[in-house]
């Protein structure tokens, strides 16, 4: 047998005791593995079956206490096994080739110490309702469901009887017709996707088991050929109906342990099948996917792909010189993108921890003005001597926008134009150009350090307001009673002290996704379909973007429209063209 398979398992294997076996009505089949054989006298037969049984869920009265042995359930579990075996016996007398374990043998059990799952092995399934399922899989794997050449893997099944991964193979036998016998290993499960995804894994490890069986049987076959060549005996024997009947009944009586001369064959198969069920189940895990990927996810994937392509092109360039300036600035934008709090942690001094913290530091009026500029797409400039504080402020403000609308230069020694970045951090000595300071499309926040002795040595437990003063200046001062609908909802969430920071963060994600859906509708309606102003106004009314703050709502939607991913735009344009093509034809 395969040493790797048998010794990789962390299972404790013992022989089942009749008095200690416990059956549960609530246990259900996860998956089972069976070894099947085509007998020349009795047809397809199940030789050995291993099933995984999950521990029953404890009732409220049993929670926190060990489950005692239930004598009635013990007897019931034993009865299930005996009924399954007796039903198989009624179908016809079994020869040695059809039998793996004698009727008096209790079988094998392995217990996974990590999960409590039990792996039980016997000739037939322990549960009688599974007998017909395994029986049908056995018959189909050795009769109609075979691949070309009769040896190899195949998949079949249905929702009612389960799905089957089957691998048929031959074992050498000097006394059999054609000097070989036909076997198969089947794995039965109710989950079709589970089996299909496990195909490469199952094929690899089942082939190891099959090759081990075939190699040991081949050695026995060769030794028997040397002692008494059966072909010469058959050629020299006189043919008669009596001789033929005797030969056929004699050929069908050889068991698999006698063909392989493996005294502990069934224990080894139990170990291999148990490990296979455990490993196959643990390698696949389910994940909850909440619908299609969001626009932020698509943008992150696109930018990561572009960065990787840019890196590969630069590394493959001849001469190995410095990167072009445009590529270098793009890489800086990627490195400074959104959730990169790790950079701020590298700087000393206090940090802003959340949007609510930023609102408390700035005050409600200044925070609303700053958030308005962020949502409208205006350039937000933070100028100060503490890059860590500025970096943490940008990290909080970036969360107000979709990923595609964020272009940032976290800390620079010179001014960068608005078309390059809408978030700009500057050192305190950098002057602001006149056309920027007088523009209504920008806001400047000067972070002034207060002179209070040793700043950082005393700043360990002090509040940011005792260390810095924030001066906000802009030629565009919005009234506090107006603004986009989204900003009003964000402020309601931030002002509610009953909501934790994590809840506010999830609320913000939901609000952004809601307005990104409105952006997609507006983009499809105005840019793709090319509708007029009157129709667009009706759509805005349906989207809830009209009424108080309508001008800011429309401006926000148009700015966020620039942040749509290339994947979405390409998919939308392709779908529209595909729908228009038949009309033109």
Protein backbone atom coordinates (compact mmCIF):
# COMPACT_ATOMS: atom_id res chain seq x y z
CA UNK A 1 0.00 0.00 0.00
CA UNK A 2 1.02 3.59 -0.39
CA UNK A 3 3.23 4.54 2.55
CA UNK A 4 2.57 8.24 2.01
CA UNK A 5 -1.18 7.82 2.20
CA UNK A 6 -1.14 5.54 5.19
CA UNK A 7 1.20 7.60 7.36
CA UNK A 8 -0.01 11.10 6.51
CA UNK A 9 -3.23 10.59 8.44
CA UNK A 10 -3.67 11.96 11.96
CA UNK A 11 -6.40 9.42 12.69
CA UNK A 12 -6.62 6.97 15.55
CA UNK A 13 -7.60 3.59 14.10
CA UNK A 14 -9.01 0.66 16.05
CA UNK A 15 -11.23 -2.33 15.46
CA UNK A 16 -14.91 -1.75 16.13
CA UNK A 17 -16.33 -3.42 19.22
CA UNK A 18 -19.95 -4.51 19.05
CA UNK A 19 -20.74 -3.14 22.49
CA UNK A 20 -19.06 0.23 21.97
CA UNK A 21 -20.32 1.21 18.54
CA UNK A 22 -22.84 4.06 18.66
CA UNK A 23 -25.29 4.80 15.84
CA UNK A 24 -27.19 8.02 15.43
CA UNK A 25 -30.29 8.67 13.40
CA UNK A 26 -29.13 12.22 12.75
CA UNK A 27 -25.91 11.27 10.98
CA UNK A 28 -25.86 11.91 7.24
CA UNK A 29 -23.57 10.83 4.47
CA UNK A 30 -20.88 13.33 3.57
CA UNK A 31 -18.98 11.06 1.16
CA UNK A 32 -17.95 7.42 1.08
CA UNK A 33 -15.34 5.34 -0.74
CA UNK A 34 -15.91 1.73 -1.79
CA UNK A 35 -13.84 -1.00 -3.43
CA UNK A 36 -15.91 -3.03 -5.90
CA UNK A 37 -15.24 -6.32 -7.71
CA UNK A 38 -16.81 -8.08 -10.69
CA UNK A 39 -17.24 -11.70 -9.67
CA UNK A 40 -17.45 -14.28 -12.45
CA UNK A 41 -20.27 -16.11 -10.62
CA UNK A 42 -22.20 -13.36 -8.82
CA UNK A 43 -21.54 -10.21 -10.90
CA UNK A 44 -20.68 -6.77 -9.45
CA UNK A 45 -20.15 -6.84 -5.68
CA UNK A 46 -19.08 -4.30 -3.07
CA UNK A 47 -16.02 -5.59 -1.25
CA UNK A 48 -15.11 -2.80 1.17
CA UNK A 49 -16.75 0.51 2.06
CA UNK A 50 -15.50 3.44 4.18
CA UNK A 51 -17.89 6.24 5.19
CA UNK A 52 -17.42 9.45 7.17
CA UNK A 53 -19.89 10.07 9.99
CA UNK A 54 -20.04 13.49 11.62
CA UNK A 55 -20.71 13.67 15.37
CA UNK A 56 -24.33 14.56 16.21
CA UNK A 57 -24.98 18.10 17.39
CA UNK A 58 -25.48 18.17 21.19
CA UNK A 59 -28.89 19.14 22.50
CA UNK A 60 -29.19 22.09 24.93
CA UNK A 61 -29.33 19.64 27.83
CA UNK A 62 -26.14 17.96 26.62
CA UNK A 63 -24.17 21.15 25.89
CA UNK A 64 -20.97 21.39 27.90
CA UNK A 65 -21.18 17.79 29.13
CA UNK A 66 -19.70 14.59 27.70
CA UNK A 67 -22.17 12.40 25.81
CA UNK A 68 -22.60 9.12 27.70
CA UNK A 69 -22.83 5.81 25.92
CA UNK A 70 -26.43 5.09 25.00
CA UNK A 71 -27.04 1.36 25.17
CA UNK A 72 -30.20 1.58 23.10
CA UNK A 73 -28.47 3.54 20.37
CA UNK A 74 -25.56 1.08 20.55
CA UNK A 75 -27.90 -1.76 19.80
CA UNK A 76 -29.60 0.26 17.10
CA UNK A 77 -26.30 1.02 15.37
CA UNK A 78 -25.39 -2.64 15.48
CA UNK A 79 -28.76 -3.58 14.06
CA UNK A 80 -28.30 -1.21 11.14
CA UNK A 81 -25.04 -2.92 10.22
CA UNK A 82 -26.50 -6.38 10.52
CA UNK A 83 -29.56 -5.51 8.45
CA UNK A 84 -27.42 -4.06 5.69
CA UNK A 85 -25.24 -7.15 5.61
CA UNK A 86 -28.20 -9.52 5.74
CA UNK A 87 -29.90 -7.75 2.82
CA UNK A 88 -26.75 -8.28 0.79
CA UNK A 89 -26.62 -11.93 1.74
CA UNK A 90 -30.17 -12.51 0.57
CA UNK A 91 -29.19 -11.60 -2.97
CA UNK A 92 -27.12 -14.76 -3.30
CA UNK A 93 -24.38 -16.75 -1.64
CA UNK A 94 -21.03 -14.96 -1.55
CA UNK A 95 -17.80 -16.68 -2.52
CA UNK A 96 -14.38 -15.78 -1.16
CA UNK A 97 -13.85 -13.39 -4.05
CA UNK A 98 -17.03 -11.46 -3.11
CA UNK A 99 -16.27 -11.25 0.60
CA UNK A 100 -13.80 -8.97 2.37
CA UNK A 101 -14.57 -9.32 6.08
CA UNK A 102 -16.28 -12.35 7.64
CA UNK A 103 -19.70 -11.89 9.16
CA UNK A 104 -18.22 -12.07 12.66
CA UNK A 105 -15.77 -9.26 12.00
CA UNK A 106 -17.00 -5.94 13.47
CA UNK A 107 -15.11 -3.75 10.96
CA UNK A 108 -12.73 -0.83 11.45
CA UNK A 109 -13.12 2.70 12.82
CA UNK A 110 -10.87 5.76 12.77
CA UNK A 111 -11.61 8.85 14.85
CA UNK A 112 -10.32 12.25 13.81
CA UNK A 113 -9.17 13.88 17.06
CA UNK A 114 -9.47 17.38 15.57
CA UNK A 115 -13.06 17.27 14.31
CA UNK A 116 -14.55 14.20 16.00
CA UNK A 117 -15.50 12.68 12.64
CA UNK A 118 -15.60 8.87 12.62
CA UNK A 119 -14.53 6.84 9.58
CA UNK A 120 -16.22 3.43 9.57
CA UNK A 121 -15.29 0.56 7.25
CA UNK A 122 -17.08 -2.70 6.55
CA UNK A 123 -18.18 -4.68 3.52
CA UNK A 124 -21.44 -2.72 3.26
CA UNK A 125 -22.48 0.75 4.47
CA UNK A 126 -23.59 0.97 8.08
CA UNK A 127 -26.81 2.76 7.16
CA UNK A 128 -29.30 0.66 5.18
CA UNK A 129 -30.53 3.63 3.14
CA UNK A 130 -27.04 3.89 1.64
CA UNK A 131 -26.89 0.24 0.61
CA UNK A 132 -28.86 0.78 -2.61
CA UNK A 133 -26.81 3.91 -3.42
CA UNK A 134 -23.50 2.07 -3.13
CA UNK A 135 -24.92 -1.00 -4.86
CA UNK A 136 -26.02 1.03 -7.87
CA UNK A 137 -22.66 2.83 -8.04
CA UNK A 138 -20.91 -0.57 -7.93
CA UNK A 139 -23.00 -2.06 -10.74
CA UNK A 140 -22.68 0.99 -12.98
CA UNK A 141 -18.93 1.34 -12.44
CA UNK A 142 -18.34 -2.28 -13.52
CA UNK A 143 -20.89 -2.55 -16.30
CA UNK A 144 -22.17 0.40 -18.34
CA UNK A 145 -20.16 3.36 -16.99
CA UNK A 146 -16.66 2.56 -18.22
CA UNK A 147 -14.13 4.61 -20.11
CA UNK A 148 -12.40 3.51 -23.36
CA UNK A 149 -9.99 0.71 -22.60
CA UNK A 150 -12.05 -0.18 -19.49
CA UNK A 151 -9.29 1.13 -17.16
CA UNK A 152 -9.33 4.69 -15.91
CA UNK A 153 -11.48 7.36 -14.21
CA UNK A 154 -15.05 8.32 -15.09
CA UNK A 155 -17.78 10.49 -13.55
CA UNK A 156 -21.52 9.74 -13.48
CA UNK A 157 -24.57 10.06 -11.25
CA UNK A 158 -27.69 12.12 -10.59
CA UNK A 159 -29.34 14.12 -7.83
CA UNK A 160 -31.41 11.19 -6.56
CA UNK A 161 -28.77 8.47 -6.28
CA UNK A 162 -25.70 10.64 -5.76
CA UNK A 163 -22.71 11.39 -7.95
CA UNK A 164 -19.85 8.96 -8.40
CA UNK A 165 -16.16 9.28 -9.21
CA UNK A 166 -15.10 5.82 -10.38
CA UNK A 167 -11.70 4.40 -11.32
CA UNK A 168 -11.70 0.90 -12.82
CA UNK A 169 -8.60 -1.31 -12.97
CA UNK A 170 -7.44 -4.92 -13.35
CA UNK A 171 -5.57 -7.16 -10.91
CA UNK A 172 -3.41 -10.02 -12.23
CA UNK A 173 -4.66 -13.55 -11.34
CA UNK A 174 -3.07 -16.66 -12.77
CA UNK A 175 -6.31 -18.65 -12.33
CA UNK A 176 -8.74 -16.13 -13.80
CA UNK A 177 -10.03 -16.02 -17.35
CA UNK A 178 -7.69 -13.71 -19.20
CA UNK A 179 -5.36 -13.89 -16.18
CA UNK A 180 -6.88 -10.77 -14.61
CA UNK A 181 -9.83 -9.68 -12.51
CA UNK A 182 -11.83 -6.49 -12.76
CA UNK A 183 -12.08 -4.03 -9.83
CA UNK A 184 -13.08 -0.44 -9.27
CA UNK A 185 -12.78 2.19 -6.54
CA UNK A 186 -15.75 4.54 -6.33
CA UNK A 187 -16.28 7.72 -4.33
CA UNK A 188 -19.95 8.61 -3.83
CA UNK A 189 -21.21 12.02 -2.73
CA UNK A 190 -24.36 14.08 -3.11
CA UNK A 191 -22.41 17.24 -4.03
CA UNK A 192 -21.57 17.24 -7.73
CA UNK A 193 -19.35 20.34 -7.56
CA UNK A 194 -17.41 18.83 -4.65
CA UNK A 195 -16.53 15.73 -6.69
CA UNK A 196 -15.72 17.61 -9.89
CA UNK A 197 -13.40 20.03 -8.09
CA UNK A 198 -11.76 17.07 -6.34
CA UNK A 199 -11.09 15.20 -9.61
CA UNK A 200 -7.29 15.87 -9.86
CA UNK A 201 -6.78 15.17 -6.16
CA UNK A 202 -8.79 11.93 -6.21
CA UNK A 203 -7.15 10.74 -9.43
CA UNK A 204 -3.65 11.24 -8.03
CA UNK A 205 -4.17 9.42 -4.74
CA UNK A 206 -6.44 6.65 -6.03
CA UNK A 207 -3.84 5.82 -8.63
CA UNK A 208 -1.28 5.43 -5.85
CA UNK A 209 -3.53 2.89 -4.14
CA UNK A 210 -4.30 1.09 -7.41
CA UNK A 211 -0.66 0.93 -8.46
CA UNK A 212 0.24 -0.49 -5.05
CA UNK A 213 -2.40 -3.21 -5.40
CA UNK A 214 -1.38 -4.02 -8.96
CA UNK A 215 2.34 -4.17 -8.20
CA UNK A 216 1.91 -6.55 -5.25
CA UNK A 217 -0.49 -8.74 -7.23
CA UNK A 218 1.94 -8.81 -10.16
CA UNK A 219 4.68 -10.18 -7.91
CA UNK A 220 2.37 -12.98 -6.75
CA UNK A 221 1.34 -13.65 -10.36
CA UNK A 222 4.96 -13.91 -11.53
CA UNK A 223 5.87 -16.27 -8.69
CA UNK A 224 2.91 -18.53 -9.51
CA UNK A 225 3.87 -18.53 -13.17
CA UNK A 226 7.32 -19.76 -12.30
CA UNK A 227 6.06 -22.59 -10.09
CA UNK A 228 3.24 -23.85 -12.32
CA UNK A 229 2.46 -22.07 -15.58
CA UNK A 230 -1.36 -22.13 -15.72
CA UNK A 231 -1.48 -21.51 -19.47
CA UNK A 232 0.28 -24.81 -20.21
CA UNK A 233 -2.03 -26.66 -17.80
CA UNK A 234 -5.09 -25.27 -19.52
CA UNK A 235 -3.79 -26.06 -22.99
CA UNK A 236 -3.14 -29.69 -22.03
CA UNK A 237 -6.40 -30.26 -20.13
CA UNK A 238 -9.35 -31.96 -21.82
CA UNK A 239 -12.37 -29.72 -22.27
CA UNK A 240 -15.69 -30.94 -20.94
CA UNK A 241 -18.75 -29.31 -19.35
CA UNK A 242 -17.84 -30.77 -15.95
CA UNK A 243 -14.28 -29.49 -16.14
CA UNK A 244 -15.46 -26.05 -17.30
CA UNK A 245 -17.93 -25.74 -14.44
CA UNK A 246 -15.31 -26.83 -11.92
CA UNK A 247 -12.73 -24.39 -13.30
CA UNK A 248 -15.15 -21.51 -13.28
CA UNK A 249 -16.28 -22.07 -9.70
CA UNK A 250 -12.69 -22.52 -8.61
CA UNK A 251 -11.53 -19.33 -10.34
CA UNK A 252 -14.19 -17.23 -8.63
CA UNK A 253 -13.08 -18.22 -5.14
CA UNK A 254 -9.82 -16.26 -4.91
CA UNK A 255 -9.95 -13.22 -2.67
CA UNK A 256 -8.02 -9.98 -3.06
CA UNK A 257 -5.76 -10.70 -0.03
CA UNK A 258 -4.78 -14.01 -1.63
CA UNK A 259 -4.03 -12.29 -4.94
CA UNK A 260 -1.75 -9.75 -3.25
CA UNK A 261 -0.49 -11.92 -0.34
CA UNK A 262 -1.21 -8.93 1.92
CA UNK A 263 -2.32 -10.17 5.33
CA UNK A 264 -3.51 -6.74 6.57
CA UNK A 265 -4.99 -5.59 3.29
CA UNK A 266 -8.37 -4.45 4.63
CA UNK A 267 -6.83 -2.53 7.53
CA UNK A 268 -4.48 -0.81 5.09
CA UNK A 269 -7.35 0.04 2.74
CA UNK A 270 -9.31 1.43 5.66
CA UNK A 271 -6.37 3.68 6.58
CA UNK A 272 -5.98 4.87 2.98
CA UNK A 273 -9.71 5.47 2.41
CA UNK A 274 -10.08 7.27 5.75
CA UNK A 275 -7.17 9.56 4.97
CA UNK A 276 -8.61 10.21 1.50
CA UNK A 277 -11.98 11.25 2.90
CA UNK A 278 -10.37 13.48 5.54
CA UNK A 279 -7.89 15.14 3.16
CA UNK A 280 -10.42 15.58 0.37
CA UNK A 281 -12.89 17.21 2.72
CA UNK A 282 -10.38 19.56 4.35
CA UNK A 283 -8.81 20.83 1.12
CA UNK A 284 -12.04 22.44 -0.09
CA UNK A 285 -13.74 25.19 1.90
CA UNK A 286 -16.85 27.19 1.13
CA UNK A 287 -16.80 30.98 1.00
CA UNK A 288 -19.80 33.27 1.00
CA UNK A 289 -19.79 35.54 -2.05
CA UNK A 290 -22.11 38.51 -1.72
CA UNK A 291 -23.08 38.97 -5.35
CA UNK A 292 -20.96 40.44 -8.10
CA UNK A 293 -17.69 42.26 -7.29
CA UNK A 294 -18.05 45.92 -6.42
CA UNK A 295 -16.59 48.75 -8.45
CA UNK A 296 -13.88 49.22 -5.81
CA UNK A 297 -12.84 45.59 -6.21
CA UNK A 298 -12.72 45.86 -10.00
CA UNK A 299 -10.61 49.03 -9.79
CA UNK A 300 -8.15 47.45 -7.36
CA UNK A 301 -7.75 44.43 -9.63
CA UNK A 302 -7.22 46.64 -12.67
CA UNK A 303 -4.63 48.79 -10.96
CA UNK A 304 -2.80 45.81 -9.55
CA UNK A 305 -2.68 44.26 -13.04
CA UNK A 306 -1.40 47.49 -14.57
CA UNK A 307 1.26 47.77 -11.89
CA UNK A 308 2.44 44.20 -12.49
CA UNK A 309 2.56 44.74 -16.25
CA UNK A 310 4.45 47.99 -15.73
CA UNK A 311 6.95 46.26 -13.46
CA UNK A 312 7.54 43.42 -15.91
CA UNK A 313 8.04 45.85 -18.80
CA UNK A 314 10.52 47.89 -16.79
CA UNK A 315 12.49 44.84 -15.68
CA UNK A 316 12.63 43.60 -19.26
CA UNK A 317 13.83 46.92 -20.69
CA UNK A 318 17.29 46.94 -22.22
CA UNK A 319 20.06 48.80 -20.48
CA UNK A 320 18.52 48.48 -16.99
CA UNK A 321 18.37 52.25 -16.59
CA UNK A 322 16.05 54.25 -14.38
CA UNK A 323 12.33 54.02 -14.98
CA UNK A 324 10.61 56.67 -17.06
CA UNK A 325 9.21 59.52 -15.06
CA UNK A 326 5.58 58.78 -16.02
CA UNK A 327 5.90 55.18 -14.86
CA UNK A 328 7.54 56.26 -11.65
CA UNK A 329 4.76 58.69 -10.76
CA UNK A 330 2.12 56.04 -11.52
CA UNK A 331 3.86 53.62 -9.19
CA UNK A 332 3.85 56.26 -6.48
CA UNK A 333 0.11 56.68 -6.94
CA UNK A 334 -0.37 52.95 -6.58
CA UNK A 335 1.80 52.71 -3.49
CA UNK A 336 -0.03 55.61 -1.86
CA UNK A 337 -3.43 54.19 -2.68
CA UNK A 338 -6.22 54.09 -0.10
CA UNK A 339 -5.76 51.57 2.74
CA UNK A 340 -2.06 51.98 3.35
CA UNK A 341 -2.07 52.76 7.08
CA UNK A 342 1.24 50.94 7.40
CA UNK A 343 3.04 54.05 6.13
CA UNK A 344 1.51 56.23 8.81
CA UNK A 345 2.61 53.79 11.48
CA UNK A 346 6.22 54.42 10.47
CA UNK A 347 6.00 58.06 11.54
CA UNK A 348 6.12 59.26 15.16
CA UNK A 349 3.44 61.37 16.71
CA UNK A 350 -0.36 61.08 17.04
CA UNK A 351 -2.63 59.75 14.27
CA UNK A 352 -6.26 60.17 13.31
CA UNK A 353 -8.06 56.93 14.04
CA UNK A 354 -11.39 57.31 12.21
CA UNK A 355 -13.70 59.70 10.39
CA UNK A 356 -15.49 60.36 13.65
CA UNK A 357 -12.15 61.27 15.27
CA UNK A 358 -11.37 63.62 12.37
CA UNK A 359 -14.81 65.24 12.78
CA UNK A 360 -14.18 65.76 16.48
CA UNK A 361 -10.78 67.35 15.80
CA UNK A 362 -11.96 69.70 13.04
CA UNK A 363 -15.39 70.48 14.44
CA UNK A 364 -18.70 69.84 12.73
CA UNK A 365 -18.64 72.97 10.52
CA UNK A 366 -15.08 72.62 9.22
CA UNK A 367 -15.48 68.86 8.77
CA UNK A 368 -18.64 69.34 6.69
CA UNK A 369 -16.87 71.88 4.50
CA UNK A 370 -13.87 69.59 4.03
CA UNK A 371 -16.06 66.56 3.31
CA UNK A 372 -18.06 68.55 0.78
CA UNK A 373 -14.89 69.38 -1.19
CA UNK A 374 -13.87 65.72 -1.07
CA UNK A 375 -17.23 64.46 -2.41
CA UNK A 376 -17.32 67.11 -5.14
CA UNK A 377 -13.87 66.14 -6.44
CA UNK A 378 -12.09 69.35 -5.51
CA UNK A 379 -8.42 69.28 -4.61
CA UNK A 380 -7.84 68.84 -0.87
CA UNK A 381 -4.45 70.17 0.28
CA UNK A 382 -3.07 69.41 3.74
CA UNK A 383 0.07 71.35 4.64
CA UNK A 384 2.04 70.67 7.79
CA UNK A 385 5.27 69.40 9.35
CA UNK A 386 3.91 66.03 10.52
CA UNK A 387 3.66 63.64 7.52
CA UNK A 388 2.24 60.86 9.71
CA UNK A 389 -0.73 62.98 10.78
CA UNK A 390 -1.36 64.12 7.20
CA UNK A 391 -1.13 60.57 5.94
CA UNK A 392 -3.65 59.33 8.51
CA UNK A 393 -6.03 62.21 7.61
CA UNK A 394 -5.91 61.23 3.92
CA UNK A 395 -6.54 57.60 4.83
CA UNK A 396 -9.77 58.64 6.55
CA UNK A 397 -10.87 61.03 3.78
CA UNK A 398 -10.21 58.53 0.99
CA UNK A 399 -12.87 56.30 2.51
CA UNK A 400 -15.48 58.86 1.43
CA UNK A 401 -14.82 58.23 -2.27
CA UNK A 402 -14.88 55.26 -4.63
CA UNK A 403 -11.50 53.80 -5.44
CA UNK A 404 -11.56 55.10 -8.99
CA UNK A 405 -11.97 58.71 -7.84
CA UNK A 406 -8.88 58.71 -5.60
CA UNK A 407 -5.62 60.21 -6.86
CA UNK A 408 -3.23 61.11 -4.07
CA UNK A 409 0.25 62.40 -3.41
CA UNK A 410 0.62 61.92 0.31
CA UNK A 411 3.58 64.21 1.05
CA UNK A 412 5.48 66.31 -1.44
CA UNK A 413 8.08 69.07 -1.43
CA UNK A 414 6.36 70.88 -4.32
CA UNK A 415 2.85 71.62 -5.45
CA UNK A 416 1.17 69.13 -7.79
CA UNK A 417 -1.62 70.20 -10.14
CA UNK A 418 -5.21 69.13 -9.52
CA UNK A 419 -5.37 66.92 -12.61
CA UNK A 420 -2.63 64.77 -11.07
CA UNK A 421 -4.10 64.41 -7.60
CA UNK A 422 -7.17 65.42 -5.61
CA UNK A 423 -5.40 64.62 -2.30
CA UNK A 424 -2.13 66.48 -1.81
CA UNK A 425 0.08 66.65 1.25
CA UNK A 426 2.74 69.37 1.44
CA UNK A 427 5.53 70.35 3.77
CA UNK A 428 4.89 73.63 5.63
CA UNK A 429 7.28 75.75 3.55
CA UNK A 430 5.72 74.94 0.14
CA UNK A 431 3.90 77.96 -1.32
CA UNK A 432 0.46 77.59 -2.92
CA UNK A 433 0.13 79.10 -6.41
CA UNK A 434 -2.19 82.07 -6.72
CA UNK A 435 -4.50 80.38 -9.23
CA UNK A 436 -5.01 77.58 -6.74
CA UNK A 437 -5.56 79.66 -3.60
CA UNK A 438 -8.12 81.82 -5.45
CA UNK A 439 -9.90 78.86 -7.04
CA UNK A 440 -13.25 77.59 -5.76
CA UNK A 441 -12.25 74.06 -6.69
CA UNK A 442 -9.69 73.60 -3.91
CA UNK A 443 -9.47 73.72 -0.14
CA UNK A 444 -6.36 74.24 1.98
CA UNK A 445 -5.92 72.88 5.51
CA UNK A 446 -2.88 74.24 7.33
CA UNK A 447 -1.80 72.01 10.23
CA UNK A 448 0.07 74.37 12.58
CA UNK A 449 2.16 72.91 15.42
CA UNK A 450 1.63 74.56 18.78
CA UNK A 451 4.75 75.47 20.79
CA UNK A 452 4.43 73.38 23.96
CA UNK A 453 7.89 72.16 24.86
CA UNK A 454 9.10 68.85 23.58
CA UNK A 455 6.28 67.98 21.22
CA UNK A 456 6.69 64.25 20.69
CA UNK A 457 8.00 63.43 24.14
CA UNK A 458 4.87 64.93 25.67
CA UNK A 459 2.51 63.70 22.95
CA UNK A 460 2.18 60.12 24.06
CA UNK A 461 -1.12 60.61 25.83
CA UNK A 462 -2.12 64.11 24.72
CA UNK A 463 -4.96 64.94 22.35
CA UNK A 464 -4.26 66.18 18.81
CA UNK A 465 -6.01 69.49 19.53
CA UNK A 466 -3.47 70.28 22.25
CA UNK A 467 -0.63 69.80 19.76
CA UNK A 468 -1.98 71.19 16.48
CA UNK A 469 -4.26 73.87 15.12
CA UNK A 470 -6.20 73.26 11.89
CA UNK A 471 -6.88 76.31 9.69
CA UNK A 472 -9.22 75.69 6.73
CA UNK A 473 -9.38 78.21 3.89
CA UNK A 474 -11.32 78.14 0.62
CA UNK A 475 -13.02 80.64 -1.63
CA UNK A 476 -16.01 78.29 -1.89
CA UNK A 477 -17.78 78.18 1.49
CA UNK A 478 -20.94 76.09 1.35
CA UNK A 479 -23.97 76.81 3.58
CA UNK A 480 -24.26 74.33 6.39
CA UNK A 481 -27.95 73.64 5.67
CA UNK A 482 -27.34 72.47 2.11
CA UNK A 483 -25.18 69.88 0.44
CA UNK A 484 -25.47 66.51 -1.28
CA UNK A 485 -27.83 63.91 0.18
CA UNK A 486 -24.94 61.52 0.70
CA UNK A 487 -23.09 63.99 2.94
CA UNK A 488 -26.17 64.46 5.10
CA UNK A 489 -26.50 60.69 5.61
CA UNK A 490 -22.81 60.37 6.44
CA UNK A 491 -23.07 63.07 9.10
CA UNK A 492 -26.11 61.39 10.63
CA UNK A 493 -24.12 58.17 11.00
CA UNK A 494 -21.05 59.94 12.42
CA UNK A 495 -23.08 61.93 14.94
CA UNK A 496 -24.85 58.84 16.29
CA UNK A 497 -22.74 57.86 19.29
CA UNK A 498 -24.65 54.60 19.65
CA UNK A 499 -22.96 53.33 16.49
CA UNK A 500 -19.45 51.97 16.84
CA UNK A 501 -16.63 52.89 14.49
CA UNK A 502 -16.91 49.53 12.71
CA UNK A 503 -20.65 49.95 12.19
CA UNK A 504 -20.12 53.45 10.78
CA UNK A 505 -17.48 52.06 8.43
CA UNK A 506 -19.90 49.41 7.11
CA UNK A 507 -22.63 52.02 6.83
CA UNK A 508 -20.32 54.16 4.71
CA UNK A 509 -19.58 51.23 2.41
CA UNK A 510 -23.30 50.64 1.90
CA UNK A 511 -23.92 54.33 1.15
CA UNK A 512 -21.09 54.42 -1.39
CA UNK A 513 -22.39 51.29 -3.10
CA UNK A 514 -25.89 52.78 -3.22
CA UNK A 515 -24.67 55.93 -4.93
CA UNK A 516 -22.36 54.00 -7.25
CA UNK A 517 -25.44 52.16 -8.51
CA UNK A 518 -27.03 55.53 -9.23
CA UNK A 519 -23.88 56.55 -11.07
CA UNK A 520 -24.09 53.42 -13.24
CA UNK A 521 -27.70 54.14 -14.14
CA UNK A 522 -26.88 57.74 -15.03
CA UNK A 523 -23.85 56.69 -17.08
CA UNK A 524 -25.87 54.14 -19.04
CA UNK A 525 -28.70 56.61 -19.59
CA UNK A 526 -26.74 59.73 -20.53
CA UNK A 527 -23.41 58.54 -21.94
CA UNK A 528 -24.29 55.23 -23.56
CA UNK A 529 -27.88 55.79 -24.67
CA UNK A 530 -27.35 59.51 -25.32
CA UNK A 531 -30.69 60.70 -23.89
CA UNK A 532 -31.55 64.39 -23.69
CA UNK A 533 -31.66 66.76 -20.74
CA UNK A 534 -35.38 66.30 -20.13
CA UNK A 535 -35.15 62.52 -19.94
CA UNK A 536 -32.05 62.77 -17.77
CA UNK A 537 -33.93 64.99 -15.33
CA UNK A 538 -36.64 62.33 -15.03
CA UNK A 539 -34.01 59.70 -14.27
CA UNK A 540 -32.46 61.91 -11.60
CA UNK A 541 -35.87 62.24 -10.00
CA UNK A 542 -36.25 58.46 -9.97
CA UNK A 543 -32.80 58.13 -8.43
CA UNK A 544 -33.70 60.49 -5.60
CA UNK A 545 -31.08 63.05 -6.65
CA UNK A 546 -33.46 66.00 -7.01
CA UNK A 547 -34.90 68.33 -4.41
CA UNK A 548 -32.74 70.10 -1.78
CA UNK A 549 -29.11 69.94 -2.76
CA UNK A 550 -29.95 68.83 -6.32
CA UNK A 551 -27.05 70.76 -7.83
CA UNK A 552 -24.56 69.12 -5.48
CA UNK A 553 -26.12 65.69 -6.10
CA UNK A 554 -25.71 66.02 -9.85
CA UNK A 555 -22.16 67.30 -9.47
CA UNK A 556 -21.33 64.37 -7.18
CA UNK A 557 -22.78 61.83 -9.63
CA UNK A 558 -20.83 63.31 -12.54
CA UNK A 559 -17.58 63.27 -10.56
CA UNK A 560 -18.10 59.70 -9.39
CA UNK A 561 -18.84 58.72 -12.98
CA UNK A 562 -15.15 59.31 -13.72
CA UNK A 563 -14.32 56.58 -11.22
CA UNK A 564 -16.13 53.75 -13.03
CA UNK A 565 -13.87 50.84 -13.85
CA UNK A 566 -12.70 50.10 -17.37
CA UNK A 567 -14.10 46.60 -16.97
CA UNK A 568 -17.62 47.90 -16.35
CA UNK A 569 -17.49 50.45 -19.16
CA UNK A 570 -16.15 47.91 -21.62
CA UNK A 571 -18.75 45.34 -20.60
CA UNK A 572 -21.56 47.89 -20.90
CA UNK A 573 -20.46 49.15 -24.31
CA UNK A 574 -20.04 45.58 -25.59
CA UNK A 575 -23.51 44.63 -24.37
CA UNK A 576 -25.06 47.71 -26.01
CA UNK A 577 -23.30 47.09 -29.31
CA UNK A 578 -24.29 43.45 -29.18
CA UNK A 579 -27.91 44.46 -28.71
CA UNK A 580 -27.79 46.99 -31.53
CA UNK A 581 -26.10 44.68 -34.06
CA UNK A 582 -29.19 42.64 -34.98
CA UNK A 583 -31.17 45.85 -35.59
CA UNK A 584 -28.61 47.12 -38.06
CA UNK A 585 -28.55 43.80 -39.83
